[in-house]
C-alpha atoms as a PDB file:
ATOM      1  CA  MET A   1     192.947 237.929  55.665  1.00  0.00           C
ATOM      2  CA  ILE A   2     191.950 234.853  57.623  1.00  0.00           C
ATOM      3  CA  GLY A   3     193.300 234.400  61.322  1.00  0.00           C
ATOM      4  CA  LEU A   4     195.477 231.359  62.326  1.00  0.00           C
ATOM      5  CA  ASP A   5     192.676 229.867  64.561  1.00  0.00           C
ATOM      6  CA  SER A   6     189.553 229.996  62.338  1.00  0.00           C
ATOM      7  CA  ILE A   7     187.390 227.368  64.149  1.00  0.00           C
ATOM      8  CA  THR A   8     187.297 225.910  67.711  1.00  0.00           C
ATOM      9  CA  GLU A   9     184.312 223.890  68.789  1.00  0.00           C
ATOM     10  CA  THR A  10     183.125 224.058  72.447  1.00  0.00           C
ATOM     11  CA  GLY A  11     180.439 221.847  73.978  1.00  0.00           C
ATOM     12  CA  SER A  12     179.351 218.451  72.766  1.00  0.00           C
ATOM     13  CA  GLY A  13     176.888 216.853  70.323  1.00  0.00           C
ATOM     14  CA  GLU A  14     174.415 218.989  68.556  1.00  0.00           C
ATOM     15  CA  ALA A  15     174.409 221.961  70.834  1.00  0.00           C
ATOM     16  CA  ALA A  16     177.994 222.793  70.038  1.00  0.00           C
ATOM     17  CA  SER A  17     179.241 226.238  69.797  1.00  0.00           C
ATOM     18  CA  VAL A  18     181.770 227.084  67.008  1.00  0.00           C
ATOM     19  CA  LEU A  19     184.270 229.998  66.949  1.00  0.00           C
ATOM     20  CA  TRP A  20     184.799 231.091  63.191  1.00  0.00           C
ATOM     21  CA  THR A  21     187.018 233.655  62.042  1.00  0.00           C
ATOM     22  CA  GLY A  22     185.544 235.710  59.149  1.00  0.00           C
ATOM     23  CA  ARG A  23     187.713 236.910  55.981  1.00  0.00           C
ATOM     24  CA  SER A  24     187.914 240.338  58.081  1.00  0.00           C
ATOM     25  CA  GLY A  25     189.744 238.493  60.937  1.00  0.00           C
ATOM     26  CA  ARG A  26     186.581 239.285  63.067  1.00  0.00           C
ATOM     27  CA  ARG A  27     185.383 236.228  65.060  1.00  0.00           C
ATOM     28  CA  TYR A  28     181.698 234.864  65.381  1.00  0.00           C
ATOM     29  CA  LEU A  29     180.441 232.437  67.991  1.00  0.00           C
ATOM     30  CA  MET A  30     178.055 230.435  65.930  1.00  0.00           C
ATOM     31  CA  GLU A  31     175.700 227.313  66.878  1.00  0.00           C
ATOM     32  CA  ARG A  32     176.046 224.246  65.262  1.00  0.00           C
ATOM     33  CA  GLU A  33     172.415 223.367  64.072  1.00  0.00           C
ATOM     34  CA  ARG A  34     170.567 219.846  64.110  1.00  0.00           C
ATOM     35  CA  GLU A  35     170.989 218.008  60.796  1.00  0.00           C
ATOM     36  CA  ALA A  36     167.534 217.518  60.335  1.00  0.00           C
ATOM     37  CA  GLY A  37     164.411 219.458  60.743  1.00  0.00           C
ATOM     38  CA  VAL A  38     165.718 222.903  61.497  1.00  0.00           C
ATOM     39  CA  ALA A  39     163.123 225.741  61.496  1.00  0.00           C
ATOM     40  CA  MET A  40     164.960 228.934  60.196  1.00  0.00           C
ATOM     41  CA  ALA A  41     164.048 231.660  62.266  1.00  0.00           C
ATOM     42  CA  PRO A  42     164.140 235.265  60.995  1.00  0.00           C
ATOM     43  CA  SER A  43     166.124 236.773  63.748  1.00  0.00           C
ATOM     44  CA  ARG A  44     169.183 234.449  62.913  1.00  0.00           C
ATOM     45  CA  LEU A  45     171.755 234.232  60.012  1.00  0.00           C
ATOM     46  CA  TYR A  46     172.827 230.742  58.922  1.00  0.00           C
ATOM     47  CA  ALA A  47     175.888 229.495  57.348  1.00  0.00           C
ATOM     48  CA  LEU A  48     176.571 226.295  55.609  1.00  0.00           C
ATOM     49  CA  GLU A  49     180.110 224.680  56.027  1.00  0.00           C
ATOM     50  CA  ASN A  50     181.399 221.992  54.094  1.00  0.00           C
ATOM     51  CA  ASN A  51     185.148 220.811  54.159  1.00  0.00           C
ATOM     52  CA  GLY A  52     186.181 223.896  56.319  1.00  0.00           C
ATOM     53  CA  VAL A  53     184.800 226.415  54.047  1.00  0.00           C
ATOM     54  CA  ILE A  54     181.470 228.393  54.334  1.00  0.00           C
ATOM     55  CA  GLY A  55     179.799 228.018  51.105  1.00  0.00           C
ATOM     56  CA  TRP A  56     176.665 230.112  51.725  1.00  0.00           C
ATOM     57  CA  ALA A  57     175.647 232.686  54.397  1.00  0.00           C
ATOM     58  CA  GLY A  58     172.284 234.285  54.813  1.00  0.00           C
ATOM     59  CA  THR A  59     168.860 234.372  56.273  1.00  0.00           C
ATOM     60  CA  ALA A  60     165.623 232.859  55.792  1.00  0.00           C
ATOM     61  CA  GLU A  61     164.449 235.583  53.720  1.00  0.00           C
ATOM     62  CA  ASP A  62     167.299 235.342  51.398  1.00  0.00           C
ATOM     63  CA  LEU A  63     166.190 231.822  50.454  1.00  0.00           C
ATOM     64  CA  ILE A  64     162.710 233.081  49.781  1.00  0.00           C
ATOM     65  CA  GLY A  65     163.431 236.139  47.727  1.00  0.00           C
ATOM     66  CA  ASP A  66     166.564 235.171  45.990  1.00  0.00           C
ATOM     67  CA  HIS A  67     166.687 232.264  43.513  1.00  0.00           C
ATOM     68  CA  ARG A  68     170.579 232.116  43.465  1.00  0.00           C
ATOM     69  CA  ALA A  69     170.830 231.948  47.043  1.00  0.00           C
ATOM     70  CA  ARG A  70     168.146 229.229  47.261  1.00  0.00           C
ATOM     71  CA  GLU A  71     170.044 227.077  44.486  1.00  0.00           C
ATOM     72  CA  LYS A  72     173.245 227.336  46.313  1.00  0.00           C
ATOM     73  CA  PHE A  73     171.652 226.414  49.646  1.00  0.00           C
ATOM     74  CA  ARG A  74     170.172 223.390  48.033  1.00  0.00           C
ATOM     75  CA  ARG A  75     173.209 222.323  46.388  1.00  0.00           C
ATOM     76  CA  LEU A  76     175.278 222.561  49.521  1.00  0.00           C
ATOM     77  CA  SER A  77     172.609 220.901  51.754  1.00  0.00           C
ATOM     78  CA  ALA A  78     172.355 217.951  49.331  1.00  0.00           C
ATOM     79  CA  GLY A  79     176.066 217.580  49.476  1.00  0.00           C
ATOM     80  CA  GLY A  80     176.036 217.193  53.098  1.00  0.00           C
ATOM     81  CA  ALA A  81     177.059 220.592  54.464  1.00  0.00           C
ATOM     82  CA  SER A  82     176.791 221.410  58.179  1.00  0.00           C
ATOM     83  CA  MET A  83     174.455 224.122  59.327  1.00  0.00           C
ATOM     84  CA  LEU A  84     175.688 227.060  61.642  1.00  0.00           C
ATOM     85  CA  SER A  85     173.813 229.930  63.075  1.00  0.00           C
ATOM     86  CA  LEU A  86     174.000 233.165  64.889  1.00  0.00           C
ATOM     87  CA  VAL A  87     171.971 236.149  65.859  1.00  0.00           C
ATOM     88  CA  ALA A  88     171.423 238.272  62.693  1.00  0.00           C
ATOM     89  CA  PRO A  89     171.955 242.047  62.861  1.00  0.00           C
ATOM     90  CA  ARG A  90     168.825 244.177  62.726  1.00  0.00           C
ATOM     91  CA  ASP A  91     170.506 246.543  59.946  1.00  0.00           C
ATOM     92  CA  PRO A  92     170.280 245.221  56.441  1.00  0.00           C
ATOM     93  CA  LEU A  93     173.621 246.479  55.701  1.00  0.00           C
ATOM     94  CA  ALA A  94     175.255 244.940  58.712  1.00  0.00           C
ATOM     95  CA  VAL A  95     173.507 241.736  57.488  1.00  0.00           C
ATOM     96  CA  MET A  96     175.203 242.052  54.127  1.00  0.00           C
ATOM     97  CA  THR A  97     178.517 242.933  55.611  1.00  0.00           C
ATOM     98  CA  LEU A  98     178.452 239.759  57.712  1.00  0.00           C
ATOM     99  CA  VAL A  99     177.447 237.489  54.893  1.00  0.00           C
ATOM    100  CA  TRP A 100     180.444 238.823  53.155  1.00  0.00           C
ATOM    101  CA  ASP A 101     182.744 238.231  55.734  1.00  0.00           C
ATOM    102  CA  LEU A 102     181.619 234.602  56.323  1.00  0.00           C
ATOM    103  CA  GLU A 103     181.178 233.244  52.801  1.00  0.00           C
ATOM    104  CA  GLY A 104     184.418 231.662  51.419  1.00  0.00           C
ATOM    105  CA  SER A 105     186.198 232.118  54.747  1.00  0.00           C
ATOM    106  CA  ARG A 106     188.002 228.867  55.362  1.00  0.00           C
ATOM    107  CA  ARG A 107     188.773 226.852  58.596  1.00  0.00           C
ATOM    108  CA  ALA A 108     192.639 226.488  59.482  1.00  0.00           C
ATOM    109  CA  LEU A 109     192.931 222.860  59.993  1.00  0.00           C
ATOM    110  CA  GLY A 110     194.954 221.613  62.939  1.00  0.00           C
ATOM    111  CA  ARG A 111     194.700 225.205  65.030  1.00  0.00           C
ATOM    112  CA  ALA A 112     192.836 225.627  68.234  1.00  0.00           C
ATOM    113  CA  ALA A 113     191.871 229.035  69.697  1.00  0.00           C
END
């Protein structure tokens, strides 16, 4: 279940940090990426957020190796989704767990942490 304070932004402009609560209730401090020209690093996990919902989460490797992830990423990007990122765990199982926790999580509007 998602916590009451799912998202809070700190900072300003493109360097804003975002505190997001996953489906498990665990919180993640994510960075809001620049809208244009993002170079995806292999050591980071990325998420696309649209209307307060994370619709895709994964790594650059996911986009290369998984055509479904790539299609979902392209669809959300074309729809104007915002990109967030955080340092990816080194363990592949931990990455999959983190993706599960973030995808589909919703922001609780009107709440601040």
